[in-house]
N, C-alpha and C. Protein backbone atom coordinates (compact mmCIF):
# COMPACT_ATOMS: atom_id res chain seq x y z
N MET A 1 -16.34 20.16 -9.01
CA MET A 1 -16.19 18.80 -9.58
C MET A 1 -16.70 17.78 -8.57
N THR A 2 -17.58 16.91 -8.99
CA THR A 2 -18.10 15.89 -8.09
C THR A 2 -17.04 14.82 -7.83
N PRO A 3 -17.16 14.08 -6.73
CA PRO A 3 -16.23 12.98 -6.48
C PRO A 3 -16.22 11.95 -7.61
N HIS A 4 -17.39 11.69 -8.19
CA HIS A 4 -17.45 10.73 -9.29
C HIS A 4 -16.66 11.23 -10.50
N ALA A 5 -16.80 12.50 -10.81
CA ALA A 5 -16.05 13.08 -11.93
C ALA A 5 -14.56 13.10 -11.64
N ALA A 6 -14.21 13.42 -10.39
CA ALA A 6 -12.80 13.44 -9.99
C ALA A 6 -12.18 12.06 -10.15
N SER A 7 -12.88 11.03 -9.69
CA SER A 7 -12.34 9.68 -9.79
C SER A 7 -12.24 9.22 -11.24
N ALA A 8 -13.20 9.62 -12.06
CA ALA A 8 -13.14 9.27 -13.48
C ALA A 8 -11.90 9.88 -14.13
N GLU A 9 -11.61 11.14 -13.79
CA GLU A 9 -10.42 11.79 -14.34
C GLU A 9 -9.14 11.15 -13.81
N ILE A 10 -9.11 10.83 -12.53
CA ILE A 10 -7.94 10.18 -11.96
C ILE A 10 -7.70 8.84 -12.63
N LEU A 11 -8.74 8.06 -12.83
CA LEU A 11 -8.59 6.75 -13.49
C LEU A 11 -8.12 6.91 -14.93
N ARG A 12 -8.58 7.97 -15.60
CA ARG A 12 -8.09 8.22 -16.96
C ARG A 12 -6.58 8.48 -16.95
N LEU A 13 -6.12 9.24 -15.98
CA LEU A 13 -4.69 9.51 -15.87
C LEU A 13 -3.92 8.23 -15.52
N CYS A 14 -4.49 7.43 -14.63
CA CYS A 14 -3.83 6.18 -14.24
C CYS A 14 -3.67 5.22 -15.41
N GLN A 15 -4.57 5.31 -16.37
CA GLN A 15 -4.51 4.42 -17.52
C GLN A 15 -3.42 4.80 -18.51
N MET A 16 -2.84 5.98 -18.35
CA MET A 16 -1.82 6.44 -19.30
C MET A 16 -0.52 5.66 -19.17
N ALA A 17 -0.21 5.18 -17.97
CA ALA A 17 1.03 4.44 -17.75
C ALA A 17 0.90 3.66 -16.45
N PRO A 18 1.65 2.56 -16.32
CA PRO A 18 1.54 1.76 -15.09
C PRO A 18 2.17 2.41 -13.87
N VAL A 19 2.99 3.44 -14.07
CA VAL A 19 3.69 4.07 -12.95
C VAL A 19 3.54 5.58 -13.01
N ILE A 20 3.21 6.18 -11.86
CA ILE A 20 3.25 7.63 -11.72
C ILE A 20 4.49 7.98 -10.90
N PRO A 21 5.46 8.67 -11.49
CA PRO A 21 6.64 9.07 -10.72
C PRO A 21 6.27 10.01 -9.58
N VAL A 22 6.78 9.73 -8.40
CA VAL A 22 6.58 10.59 -7.24
C VAL A 22 7.88 11.37 -7.05
N LEU A 23 7.81 12.68 -7.25
CA LEU A 23 9.01 13.50 -7.35
C LEU A 23 9.10 14.51 -6.22
N THR A 24 10.24 14.50 -5.52
CA THR A 24 10.54 15.52 -4.52
C THR A 24 11.67 16.37 -5.07
N ILE A 25 11.37 17.61 -5.40
CA ILE A 25 12.31 18.45 -6.14
C ILE A 25 12.81 19.59 -5.26
N ASP A 26 14.13 19.66 -5.12
CA ASP A 26 14.74 20.70 -4.29
C ASP A 26 15.11 21.95 -5.08
N ASP A 27 15.28 21.80 -6.40
CA ASP A 27 15.69 22.91 -7.25
C ASP A 27 14.84 22.86 -8.52
N ALA A 28 14.05 23.89 -8.73
CA ALA A 28 13.15 23.90 -9.88
C ALA A 28 13.84 24.23 -11.20
N THR A 29 15.11 24.57 -11.14
CA THR A 29 15.83 24.99 -12.34
C THR A 29 15.77 23.95 -13.44
N HIS A 30 15.91 22.68 -13.05
CA HIS A 30 15.96 21.61 -14.03
C HIS A 30 14.68 20.77 -14.05
N ALA A 31 13.61 21.31 -13.49
CA ALA A 31 12.35 20.56 -13.42
C ALA A 31 11.82 20.22 -14.80
N ALA A 32 11.92 21.16 -15.74
CA ALA A 32 11.41 20.91 -17.08
C ALA A 32 12.19 19.79 -17.76
N ALA A 33 13.50 19.80 -17.58
CA ALA A 33 14.32 18.74 -18.18
C ALA A 33 13.97 17.38 -17.60
N LEU A 34 13.70 17.33 -16.31
CA LEU A 34 13.28 16.10 -15.66
C LEU A 34 11.95 15.62 -16.25
N ALA A 35 11.02 16.53 -16.40
CA ALA A 35 9.72 16.16 -16.97
C ALA A 35 9.88 15.65 -18.40
N ARG A 36 10.72 16.30 -19.18
CA ARG A 36 10.91 15.85 -20.56
C ARG A 36 11.49 14.44 -20.61
N ALA A 37 12.41 14.13 -19.71
CA ALA A 37 13.00 12.79 -19.68
C ALA A 37 11.97 11.74 -19.32
N LEU A 38 11.13 12.04 -18.35
CA LEU A 38 10.11 11.08 -17.92
C LEU A 38 9.05 10.88 -18.99
N VAL A 39 8.63 11.97 -19.62
CA VAL A 39 7.64 11.86 -20.69
C VAL A 39 8.22 11.08 -21.87
N ALA A 40 9.47 11.37 -22.22
CA ALA A 40 10.12 10.65 -23.32
C ALA A 40 10.23 9.16 -23.02
N GLY A 41 10.34 8.83 -21.73
CA GLY A 41 10.44 7.44 -21.32
C GLY A 41 9.10 6.73 -21.22
N GLY A 42 8.00 7.46 -21.46
CA GLY A 42 6.69 6.84 -21.46
C GLY A 42 5.88 7.03 -20.21
N LEU A 43 6.31 7.96 -19.34
CA LEU A 43 5.57 8.24 -18.10
C LEU A 43 5.09 9.69 -18.13
N PRO A 44 3.91 9.95 -18.66
CA PRO A 44 3.45 11.33 -18.82
C PRO A 44 2.81 11.94 -17.59
N VAL A 45 2.36 11.12 -16.65
CA VAL A 45 1.66 11.64 -15.46
C VAL A 45 2.66 11.74 -14.32
N LEU A 46 2.86 12.95 -13.80
CA LEU A 46 3.92 13.21 -12.84
C LEU A 46 3.34 13.83 -11.57
N GLU A 47 3.79 13.34 -10.43
CA GLU A 47 3.36 13.88 -9.14
C GLU A 47 4.54 14.57 -8.46
N VAL A 48 4.42 15.86 -8.25
CA VAL A 48 5.44 16.65 -7.56
C VAL A 48 4.97 16.88 -6.13
N THR A 49 5.68 16.33 -5.17
CA THR A 49 5.25 16.45 -3.78
C THR A 49 5.50 17.87 -3.25
N LEU A 50 4.56 18.35 -2.47
CA LEU A 50 4.70 19.69 -1.88
C LEU A 50 5.49 19.61 -0.58
N ARG A 51 6.69 19.09 -0.68
CA ARG A 51 7.54 18.90 0.50
C ARG A 51 8.73 19.83 0.52
N THR A 52 8.91 20.60 -0.53
CA THR A 52 10.06 21.50 -0.61
C THR A 52 9.59 22.89 -1.05
N PRO A 53 10.37 23.92 -0.75
CA PRO A 53 10.02 25.27 -1.20
C PRO A 53 9.99 25.41 -2.71
N ALA A 54 10.67 24.50 -3.43
CA ALA A 54 10.75 24.59 -4.88
C ALA A 54 9.58 23.91 -5.59
N ALA A 55 8.73 23.23 -4.84
CA ALA A 55 7.70 22.37 -5.46
C ALA A 55 6.77 23.13 -6.40
N LEU A 56 6.24 24.26 -5.96
CA LEU A 56 5.27 24.98 -6.79
C LEU A 56 5.92 25.53 -8.06
N ASP A 57 7.16 26.03 -7.95
CA ASP A 57 7.87 26.49 -9.14
C ASP A 57 8.15 25.32 -10.08
N ALA A 58 8.44 24.17 -9.51
CA ALA A 58 8.67 22.98 -10.34
C ALA A 58 7.40 22.60 -11.09
N ILE A 59 6.27 22.65 -10.41
CA ILE A 59 4.99 22.34 -11.07
C ILE A 59 4.74 23.31 -12.22
N ARG A 60 5.00 24.59 -11.99
CA ARG A 60 4.80 25.59 -13.05
C ARG A 60 5.67 25.27 -14.28
N ALA A 61 6.92 24.92 -14.03
CA ALA A 61 7.83 24.63 -15.14
C ALA A 61 7.44 23.34 -15.86
N MET A 62 7.10 22.31 -15.10
CA MET A 62 6.79 21.02 -15.71
C MET A 62 5.46 21.04 -16.44
N ALA A 63 4.54 21.87 -15.96
CA ALA A 63 3.22 21.95 -16.60
C ALA A 63 3.31 22.48 -18.03
N ARG A 64 4.39 23.14 -18.35
CA ARG A 64 4.58 23.69 -19.70
C ARG A 64 5.24 22.69 -20.65
N VAL A 65 5.65 21.55 -20.14
CA VAL A 65 6.31 20.54 -20.98
C VAL A 65 5.26 19.79 -21.79
N PRO A 66 5.38 19.76 -23.12
CA PRO A 66 4.40 19.06 -23.95
C PRO A 66 4.27 17.59 -23.55
N GLY A 67 3.04 17.14 -23.40
CA GLY A 67 2.79 15.75 -23.07
C GLY A 67 2.79 15.43 -21.60
N ALA A 68 3.12 16.39 -20.76
CA ALA A 68 3.18 16.14 -19.31
C ALA A 68 1.85 16.49 -18.66
N TRP A 69 1.39 15.61 -17.78
CA TRP A 69 0.21 15.85 -16.94
C TRP A 69 0.72 15.91 -15.51
N VAL A 70 0.83 17.11 -14.99
CA VAL A 70 1.52 17.33 -13.72
C VAL A 70 0.52 17.57 -12.60
N GLY A 71 0.72 16.86 -11.50
CA GLY A 71 -0.12 17.03 -10.32
C GLY A 71 0.72 17.31 -9.10
N ALA A 72 0.05 17.67 -8.02
CA ALA A 72 0.72 17.96 -6.75
C ALA A 72 0.45 16.84 -5.76
N GLY A 73 1.51 16.38 -5.12
CA GLY A 73 1.38 15.38 -4.07
C GLY A 73 1.56 16.01 -2.70
N THR A 74 1.28 15.23 -1.67
CA THR A 74 1.35 15.70 -0.29
C THR A 74 0.47 16.94 -0.10
N VAL A 75 -0.70 16.91 -0.71
CA VAL A 75 -1.69 17.97 -0.52
C VAL A 75 -2.45 17.64 0.75
N ILE A 76 -2.31 18.48 1.75
CA ILE A 76 -2.82 18.18 3.09
C ILE A 76 -3.99 19.07 3.50
N ILE A 77 -3.91 20.34 3.18
CA ILE A 77 -4.92 21.30 3.62
C ILE A 77 -5.47 22.06 2.40
N PRO A 78 -6.60 22.74 2.57
CA PRO A 78 -7.17 23.48 1.44
C PRO A 78 -6.21 24.46 0.79
N ASP A 79 -5.38 25.13 1.58
CA ASP A 79 -4.42 26.07 1.00
C ASP A 79 -3.45 25.36 0.04
N ASP A 80 -3.08 24.13 0.36
CA ASP A 80 -2.21 23.36 -0.54
C ASP A 80 -2.89 23.15 -1.89
N ALA A 81 -4.16 22.79 -1.84
CA ALA A 81 -4.92 22.53 -3.07
C ALA A 81 -5.00 23.80 -3.91
N ALA A 82 -5.29 24.92 -3.27
CA ALA A 82 -5.41 26.18 -4.00
C ALA A 82 -4.08 26.59 -4.63
N ALA A 83 -2.99 26.46 -3.86
CA ALA A 83 -1.68 26.82 -4.38
C ALA A 83 -1.28 25.92 -5.54
N ALA A 84 -1.57 24.64 -5.42
CA ALA A 84 -1.23 23.69 -6.49
C ALA A 84 -2.01 24.02 -7.76
N CYS A 85 -3.29 24.30 -7.60
CA CYS A 85 -4.13 24.64 -8.75
C CYS A 85 -3.62 25.90 -9.43
N ASN A 86 -3.27 26.90 -8.65
CA ASN A 86 -2.76 28.16 -9.20
C ASN A 86 -1.42 27.97 -9.92
N ALA A 87 -0.66 26.96 -9.50
CA ALA A 87 0.64 26.70 -10.14
C ALA A 87 0.50 25.88 -11.42
N GLY A 88 -0.71 25.40 -11.70
CA GLY A 88 -0.92 24.65 -12.92
C GLY A 88 -1.10 23.16 -12.75
N ALA A 89 -1.22 22.69 -11.51
CA ALA A 89 -1.42 21.26 -11.27
C ALA A 89 -2.75 20.82 -11.87
N ARG A 90 -2.75 19.65 -12.51
CA ARG A 90 -3.96 19.12 -13.13
C ARG A 90 -4.71 18.17 -12.19
N PHE A 91 -4.04 17.76 -11.12
CA PHE A 91 -4.66 16.87 -10.14
C PHE A 91 -3.90 16.99 -8.83
N ALA A 92 -4.47 16.42 -7.77
CA ALA A 92 -3.83 16.45 -6.46
C ALA A 92 -3.83 15.05 -5.86
N VAL A 93 -2.85 14.79 -5.01
CA VAL A 93 -2.73 13.51 -4.33
C VAL A 93 -2.52 13.80 -2.85
N SER A 94 -3.23 13.08 -2.00
CA SER A 94 -3.10 13.28 -0.57
C SER A 94 -2.81 11.95 0.12
N PRO A 95 -2.01 11.96 1.20
CA PRO A 95 -1.74 10.71 1.92
C PRO A 95 -2.95 10.19 2.68
N GLY A 96 -3.90 11.07 2.93
CA GLY A 96 -5.13 10.70 3.62
C GLY A 96 -6.27 11.54 3.09
N ALA A 97 -7.28 11.74 3.89
CA ALA A 97 -8.40 12.57 3.44
C ALA A 97 -9.12 13.17 4.64
N THR A 98 -9.48 14.44 4.52
CA THR A 98 -10.33 15.10 5.50
C THR A 98 -11.49 15.74 4.75
N ASP A 99 -12.56 16.00 5.44
CA ASP A 99 -13.71 16.63 4.79
C ASP A 99 -13.33 18.01 4.24
N ARG A 100 -12.51 18.75 4.99
CA ARG A 100 -12.11 20.09 4.52
C ARG A 100 -11.33 20.01 3.22
N LEU A 101 -10.44 19.04 3.12
CA LEU A 101 -9.66 18.90 1.90
C LEU A 101 -10.53 18.43 0.73
N LEU A 102 -11.40 17.47 0.98
CA LEU A 102 -12.29 16.99 -0.06
C LEU A 102 -13.19 18.13 -0.56
N ASP A 103 -13.74 18.89 0.36
CA ASP A 103 -14.60 20.02 -0.01
C ASP A 103 -13.82 21.03 -0.86
N ALA A 104 -12.58 21.31 -0.44
CA ALA A 104 -11.77 22.32 -1.14
C ALA A 104 -11.47 21.90 -2.57
N CYS A 105 -11.07 20.65 -2.76
CA CYS A 105 -10.73 20.18 -4.10
C CYS A 105 -11.97 20.13 -4.99
N GLU A 106 -13.08 19.70 -4.42
CA GLU A 106 -14.32 19.69 -5.19
C GLU A 106 -14.73 21.11 -5.57
N GLY A 107 -14.49 22.05 -4.68
CA GLY A 107 -14.89 23.43 -4.91
C GLY A 107 -14.11 24.13 -6.00
N ILE A 108 -12.86 23.70 -6.23
CA ILE A 108 -12.04 24.35 -7.27
C ILE A 108 -11.83 23.43 -8.48
N ASP A 109 -12.61 22.36 -8.55
CA ASP A 109 -12.55 21.43 -9.68
C ASP A 109 -11.16 20.83 -9.88
N LEU A 110 -10.51 20.50 -8.77
CA LEU A 110 -9.19 19.87 -8.83
C LEU A 110 -9.36 18.38 -8.51
N PRO A 111 -9.18 17.49 -9.49
CA PRO A 111 -9.34 16.06 -9.23
C PRO A 111 -8.38 15.60 -8.14
N LEU A 112 -8.91 14.88 -7.17
CA LEU A 112 -8.10 14.45 -6.04
C LEU A 112 -8.03 12.93 -5.98
N LEU A 113 -6.82 12.43 -5.75
CA LEU A 113 -6.59 11.02 -5.44
C LEU A 113 -6.36 10.96 -3.94
N PRO A 114 -7.40 10.66 -3.15
CA PRO A 114 -7.27 10.68 -1.69
C PRO A 114 -6.69 9.37 -1.17
N GLY A 115 -5.98 9.47 -0.07
CA GLY A 115 -5.33 8.30 0.49
C GLY A 115 -6.18 7.55 1.49
N ALA A 116 -6.00 6.23 1.50
CA ALA A 116 -6.66 5.36 2.47
C ALA A 116 -5.72 4.20 2.78
N ALA A 117 -5.72 3.77 4.05
CA ALA A 117 -4.86 2.66 4.45
C ALA A 117 -5.65 1.51 5.06
N THR A 118 -6.91 1.76 5.36
CA THR A 118 -7.74 0.73 5.99
C THR A 118 -9.05 0.59 5.24
N ALA A 119 -9.76 -0.51 5.50
CA ALA A 119 -11.05 -0.72 4.86
C ALA A 119 -12.04 0.37 5.24
N SER A 120 -12.02 0.80 6.51
CA SER A 120 -12.95 1.84 6.94
C SER A 120 -12.70 3.15 6.21
N GLU A 121 -11.44 3.53 6.06
CA GLU A 121 -11.11 4.76 5.33
C GLU A 121 -11.55 4.65 3.87
N ALA A 122 -11.28 3.49 3.26
CA ALA A 122 -11.66 3.28 1.87
C ALA A 122 -13.18 3.33 1.71
N MET A 123 -13.90 2.74 2.66
CA MET A 123 -15.37 2.73 2.60
C MET A 123 -15.94 4.13 2.73
N ARG A 124 -15.38 4.95 3.62
CA ARG A 124 -15.87 6.32 3.79
C ARG A 124 -15.70 7.12 2.50
N LEU A 125 -14.54 6.96 1.87
CA LEU A 125 -14.30 7.68 0.62
C LEU A 125 -15.22 7.17 -0.49
N ALA A 126 -15.39 5.85 -0.56
CA ALA A 126 -16.27 5.28 -1.58
C ALA A 126 -17.72 5.74 -1.37
N GLU A 127 -18.13 5.86 -0.11
CA GLU A 127 -19.48 6.32 0.20
C GLU A 127 -19.70 7.74 -0.30
N ARG A 128 -18.64 8.54 -0.28
CA ARG A 128 -18.74 9.93 -0.76
C ARG A 128 -18.67 9.99 -2.29
N GLY A 129 -18.19 8.91 -2.92
CA GLY A 129 -18.13 8.89 -4.38
C GLY A 129 -16.75 8.71 -4.97
N TYR A 130 -15.73 8.55 -4.11
CA TYR A 130 -14.36 8.40 -4.59
C TYR A 130 -14.05 6.92 -4.82
N SER A 131 -14.12 6.52 -6.08
CA SER A 131 -13.84 5.12 -6.43
C SER A 131 -12.39 4.91 -6.81
N ALA A 132 -11.62 5.98 -6.93
CA ALA A 132 -10.17 5.91 -7.17
C ALA A 132 -9.47 6.45 -5.93
N GLN A 133 -8.62 5.63 -5.33
CA GLN A 133 -7.96 6.01 -4.09
C GLN A 133 -6.49 5.62 -4.10
N LYS A 134 -5.74 6.32 -3.28
CA LYS A 134 -4.33 6.00 -3.07
C LYS A 134 -4.23 5.07 -1.85
N PHE A 135 -3.54 3.94 -2.01
CA PHE A 135 -3.30 3.05 -0.88
C PHE A 135 -1.93 3.41 -0.32
N PHE A 136 -1.94 4.04 0.88
CA PHE A 136 -0.70 4.59 1.43
C PHE A 136 -0.69 4.49 2.95
N PRO A 137 0.49 4.19 3.53
CA PRO A 137 1.72 3.75 2.87
C PRO A 137 1.63 2.27 2.53
N ALA A 138 1.83 1.92 1.30
CA ALA A 138 1.51 0.59 0.79
C ALA A 138 2.24 -0.54 1.53
N GLU A 139 3.54 -0.50 1.52
CA GLU A 139 4.29 -1.61 2.12
C GLU A 139 4.08 -1.69 3.64
N PRO A 140 4.21 -0.60 4.39
CA PRO A 140 3.96 -0.68 5.83
C PRO A 140 2.53 -1.06 6.19
N SER A 141 1.58 -0.84 5.25
CA SER A 141 0.17 -1.14 5.53
C SER A 141 -0.23 -2.57 5.15
N GLY A 142 0.75 -3.37 4.81
CA GLY A 142 0.45 -4.77 4.49
C GLY A 142 0.74 -5.18 3.07
N GLY A 143 1.06 -4.21 2.24
CA GLY A 143 1.51 -4.50 0.90
C GLY A 143 0.48 -5.20 0.03
N VAL A 144 0.99 -6.05 -0.84
CA VAL A 144 0.17 -6.73 -1.84
C VAL A 144 -0.92 -7.59 -1.19
N SER A 145 -0.58 -8.30 -0.14
CA SER A 145 -1.56 -9.19 0.48
C SER A 145 -2.73 -8.41 1.08
N ALA A 146 -2.45 -7.27 1.70
CA ALA A 146 -3.51 -6.44 2.28
C ALA A 146 -4.40 -5.86 1.19
N LEU A 147 -3.79 -5.39 0.12
CA LEU A 147 -4.56 -4.79 -0.96
C LEU A 147 -5.41 -5.84 -1.68
N LYS A 148 -4.85 -7.03 -1.84
CA LYS A 148 -5.62 -8.12 -2.46
C LYS A 148 -6.82 -8.48 -1.60
N ALA A 149 -6.61 -8.55 -0.29
CA ALA A 149 -7.71 -8.88 0.62
C ALA A 149 -8.78 -7.81 0.59
N MET A 150 -8.37 -6.54 0.49
CA MET A 150 -9.32 -5.45 0.47
C MET A 150 -10.17 -5.48 -0.81
N GLY A 151 -9.60 -6.02 -1.87
CA GLY A 151 -10.30 -6.05 -3.14
C GLY A 151 -11.50 -6.97 -3.15
N ALA A 152 -11.51 -7.99 -2.29
CA ALA A 152 -12.63 -8.93 -2.29
C ALA A 152 -13.94 -8.27 -1.86
N PRO A 153 -13.99 -7.57 -0.71
CA PRO A 153 -15.25 -6.92 -0.31
C PRO A 153 -15.47 -5.55 -0.96
N LEU A 154 -14.41 -4.97 -1.53
CA LEU A 154 -14.52 -3.62 -2.09
C LEU A 154 -14.04 -3.60 -3.55
N PRO A 155 -14.65 -4.40 -4.41
CA PRO A 155 -14.16 -4.51 -5.79
C PRO A 155 -14.38 -3.25 -6.62
N GLN A 156 -15.25 -2.35 -6.13
CA GLN A 156 -15.56 -1.14 -6.89
C GLN A 156 -14.48 -0.08 -6.77
N ILE A 157 -13.52 -0.27 -5.86
CA ILE A 157 -12.48 0.73 -5.66
C ILE A 157 -11.21 0.32 -6.40
N ARG A 158 -10.64 1.26 -7.15
CA ARG A 158 -9.34 1.05 -7.81
C ARG A 158 -8.30 1.88 -7.06
N PHE A 159 -7.15 1.28 -6.84
CA PHE A 159 -6.12 1.90 -6.02
C PHE A 159 -4.86 2.22 -6.82
N CYS A 160 -4.17 3.26 -6.33
CA CYS A 160 -2.80 3.54 -6.75
C CYS A 160 -1.94 3.40 -5.50
N PRO A 161 -1.36 2.22 -5.28
CA PRO A 161 -0.51 2.05 -4.09
C PRO A 161 0.79 2.83 -4.21
N THR A 162 1.17 3.47 -3.13
CA THR A 162 2.39 4.27 -3.07
C THR A 162 3.00 4.12 -1.69
N GLY A 163 4.32 4.08 -1.65
CA GLY A 163 5.02 3.95 -0.38
C GLY A 163 5.74 2.62 -0.30
N GLY A 164 7.02 2.64 -0.62
CA GLY A 164 7.80 1.40 -0.61
C GLY A 164 7.72 0.61 -1.90
N ILE A 165 7.16 1.21 -2.96
CA ILE A 165 7.06 0.53 -4.24
C ILE A 165 8.39 0.65 -4.98
N THR A 166 8.86 -0.46 -5.53
CA THR A 166 10.12 -0.50 -6.27
C THR A 166 9.89 -1.19 -7.61
N MET A 167 10.90 -1.15 -8.44
CA MET A 167 10.82 -1.86 -9.72
C MET A 167 10.63 -3.35 -9.49
N GLN A 168 11.14 -3.84 -8.36
CA GLN A 168 11.08 -5.27 -8.08
C GLN A 168 9.69 -5.71 -7.61
N ASN A 169 9.03 -4.92 -6.76
CA ASN A 169 7.73 -5.36 -6.25
C ASN A 169 6.55 -4.74 -7.01
N ALA A 170 6.81 -3.77 -7.88
CA ALA A 170 5.72 -3.16 -8.64
C ALA A 170 4.90 -4.18 -9.43
N PRO A 171 5.53 -5.18 -10.09
CA PRO A 171 4.71 -6.14 -10.83
C PRO A 171 3.71 -6.90 -9.96
N ASP A 172 4.05 -7.13 -8.70
CA ASP A 172 3.11 -7.83 -7.81
C ASP A 172 1.86 -6.99 -7.58
N TYR A 173 2.05 -5.69 -7.40
CA TYR A 173 0.91 -4.79 -7.22
C TYR A 173 0.11 -4.67 -8.51
N LEU A 174 0.81 -4.50 -9.63
CA LEU A 174 0.14 -4.31 -10.90
C LEU A 174 -0.60 -5.55 -11.37
N GLY A 175 -0.30 -6.69 -10.75
CA GLY A 175 -1.00 -7.91 -11.07
C GLY A 175 -2.34 -8.05 -10.38
N LEU A 176 -2.67 -7.11 -9.49
CA LEU A 176 -3.95 -7.14 -8.79
C LEU A 176 -5.03 -6.44 -9.62
N ALA A 177 -6.24 -7.00 -9.61
CA ALA A 177 -7.33 -6.44 -10.40
C ALA A 177 -7.78 -5.08 -9.89
N ASN A 178 -7.55 -4.79 -8.60
CA ASN A 178 -8.01 -3.51 -8.04
C ASN A 178 -6.91 -2.45 -8.03
N VAL A 179 -5.84 -2.67 -8.74
CA VAL A 179 -4.75 -1.69 -8.85
C VAL A 179 -4.76 -1.07 -10.25
N ALA A 180 -4.91 0.24 -10.30
CA ALA A 180 -4.93 0.94 -11.58
C ALA A 180 -3.51 1.26 -12.06
N CYS A 181 -2.65 1.64 -11.13
CA CYS A 181 -1.26 1.94 -11.41
C CYS A 181 -0.57 2.04 -10.06
N VAL A 182 0.73 2.28 -10.06
CA VAL A 182 1.46 2.45 -8.80
C VAL A 182 2.19 3.78 -8.84
N GLY A 183 2.51 4.30 -7.66
CA GLY A 183 3.33 5.50 -7.56
C GLY A 183 4.68 5.13 -7.01
N GLY A 184 5.74 5.69 -7.59
CA GLY A 184 7.08 5.33 -7.12
C GLY A 184 8.11 6.39 -7.42
N SER A 185 9.11 6.46 -6.57
CA SER A 185 10.17 7.46 -6.73
C SER A 185 11.41 6.90 -7.39
N TRP A 186 11.45 5.57 -7.60
CA TRP A 186 12.68 4.96 -8.10
C TRP A 186 13.01 5.38 -9.53
N VAL A 187 12.02 5.87 -10.28
CA VAL A 187 12.29 6.22 -11.68
C VAL A 187 13.07 7.53 -11.80
N ALA A 188 13.14 8.29 -10.71
CA ALA A 188 13.90 9.55 -10.73
C ALA A 188 14.71 9.67 -9.45
N PRO A 189 15.74 8.82 -9.31
CA PRO A 189 16.54 8.85 -8.07
C PRO A 189 17.25 10.19 -7.88
N SER A 190 17.41 10.55 -6.63
CA SER A 190 17.98 11.86 -6.32
C SER A 190 19.39 12.04 -6.87
N ASP A 191 20.18 10.96 -6.88
CA ASP A 191 21.54 11.12 -7.40
C ASP A 191 21.54 11.37 -8.90
N ALA A 192 20.58 10.80 -9.62
CA ALA A 192 20.50 11.03 -11.06
C ALA A 192 20.04 12.46 -11.34
N ILE A 193 19.10 12.96 -10.54
CA ILE A 193 18.66 14.35 -10.71
C ILE A 193 19.80 15.31 -10.40
N ALA A 194 20.54 15.03 -9.32
CA ALA A 194 21.66 15.90 -8.96
C ALA A 194 22.73 15.93 -10.04
N ALA A 195 22.92 14.79 -10.70
CA ALA A 195 23.94 14.68 -11.75
C ALA A 195 23.41 15.14 -13.11
N LEU A 196 22.14 15.54 -13.15
CA LEU A 196 21.49 15.93 -14.41
C LEU A 196 21.59 14.81 -15.44
N ASP A 197 21.47 13.59 -14.96
CA ASP A 197 21.59 12.42 -15.83
C ASP A 197 20.22 12.05 -16.38
N TRP A 198 19.77 12.83 -17.34
CA TRP A 198 18.43 12.64 -17.91
C TRP A 198 18.35 11.35 -18.71
N ASN A 199 19.45 10.90 -19.30
CA ASN A 199 19.44 9.65 -20.05
C ASN A 199 19.14 8.46 -19.13
N ARG A 200 19.74 8.48 -17.95
CA ARG A 200 19.48 7.40 -16.99
C ARG A 200 18.02 7.41 -16.56
N ILE A 201 17.49 8.59 -16.30
CA ILE A 201 16.09 8.70 -15.87
C ILE A 201 15.15 8.27 -16.99
N GLU A 202 15.47 8.63 -18.21
CA GLU A 202 14.63 8.20 -19.33
C GLU A 202 14.66 6.68 -19.47
N THR A 203 15.83 6.07 -19.27
CA THR A 203 15.94 4.62 -19.35
C THR A 203 15.11 3.95 -18.25
N LEU A 204 15.19 4.48 -17.03
CA LEU A 204 14.38 3.94 -15.94
C LEU A 204 12.90 4.10 -16.23
N ALA A 205 12.53 5.22 -16.84
CA ALA A 205 11.13 5.44 -17.18
C ALA A 205 10.66 4.44 -18.23
N HIS A 206 11.49 4.17 -19.22
CA HIS A 206 11.14 3.17 -20.24
C HIS A 206 10.85 1.81 -19.60
N SER A 207 11.70 1.43 -18.66
CA SER A 207 11.51 0.13 -17.99
C SER A 207 10.21 0.12 -17.19
N ALA A 208 9.93 1.22 -16.51
CA ALA A 208 8.71 1.30 -15.71
C ALA A 208 7.47 1.30 -16.61
N ALA A 209 7.55 2.02 -17.72
CA ALA A 209 6.40 2.10 -18.62
C ALA A 209 6.09 0.76 -19.27
N ALA A 210 7.07 -0.14 -19.33
CA ALA A 210 6.87 -1.43 -19.96
C ALA A 210 6.30 -2.49 -19.01
N LEU A 211 6.13 -2.13 -17.73
CA LEU A 211 5.60 -3.10 -16.78
C LEU A 211 4.18 -3.50 -17.15
N PRO A 212 3.88 -4.80 -17.16
CA PRO A 212 2.51 -5.22 -17.48
C PRO A 212 1.59 -5.02 -16.29
N ARG A 213 0.32 -4.86 -16.57
CA ARG A 213 -0.66 -4.74 -15.49
C ARG A 213 -1.93 -5.49 -15.88
N ARG A 214 -2.63 -5.93 -14.87
CA ARG A 214 -3.84 -6.72 -15.07
C ARG A 214 -5.02 -5.80 -15.35
N ALA A 215 -5.87 -6.22 -16.25
CA ALA A 215 -7.08 -5.46 -16.54
C ALA A 215 -8.07 -5.63 -15.40
N PRO A 216 -8.90 -4.62 -15.14
CA PRO A 216 -9.91 -4.75 -14.08
C PRO A 216 -10.95 -5.81 -14.43
N GLU A 217 -11.58 -6.34 -13.42
CA GLU A 217 -12.63 -7.33 -13.63
C GLU A 217 -13.81 -6.69 -14.37
N PRO A 218 -14.55 -7.46 -15.18
CA PRO A 218 -15.70 -6.91 -15.88
C PRO A 218 -16.70 -6.27 -14.93
N GLY A 219 -17.15 -5.08 -15.31
CA GLY A 219 -18.14 -4.40 -14.49
C GLY A 219 -17.56 -3.54 -13.40
N VAL A 220 -16.22 -3.55 -13.24
CA VAL A 220 -15.58 -2.76 -12.18
C VAL A 220 -15.01 -1.49 -12.78
């Protein structure tokens, strides 16, 4: 998969909802129920971070949920990409980008949302063909003001900011023309998952799915 094709697929997924839930799952037993609650709430694109031993099993379970588009987050090395793909992930998300990781994802046709925190990182990825990027960590990297400033010289890049995004500040990010969607963990808090409170998670998802976002500038 070429970088251009990967970015086109990532942008298609970003258009499905204003928020991509970022999920860290310790027990895959209830992963399908979690996915069903989020999809029912209007958030079909789900990112399961590869930070726990249960992550790959969770991806396998969630990938079978009707209407769910499940990807793997915290993809760092080629082996992560291969394992995620084998588990049924439809896309990958990385906090940064290396040539080895980019090559690996392109080689197995796994659409990648690569991370960038500076203009130089964003430019290198754009030069390779990645017009869809993750802005991470969003808040520590300057937040809305930094991303807005980056949009002036780099209007061709659309971002999914992640890291410190909440229901309260998400509208500020979504109001930027260079933001396609945001990633956030607040829609599936750990205490709600532990309590198996799927109704609460579905309600949070409904609120997130209703967030307005600005359309991209013409020609971008």
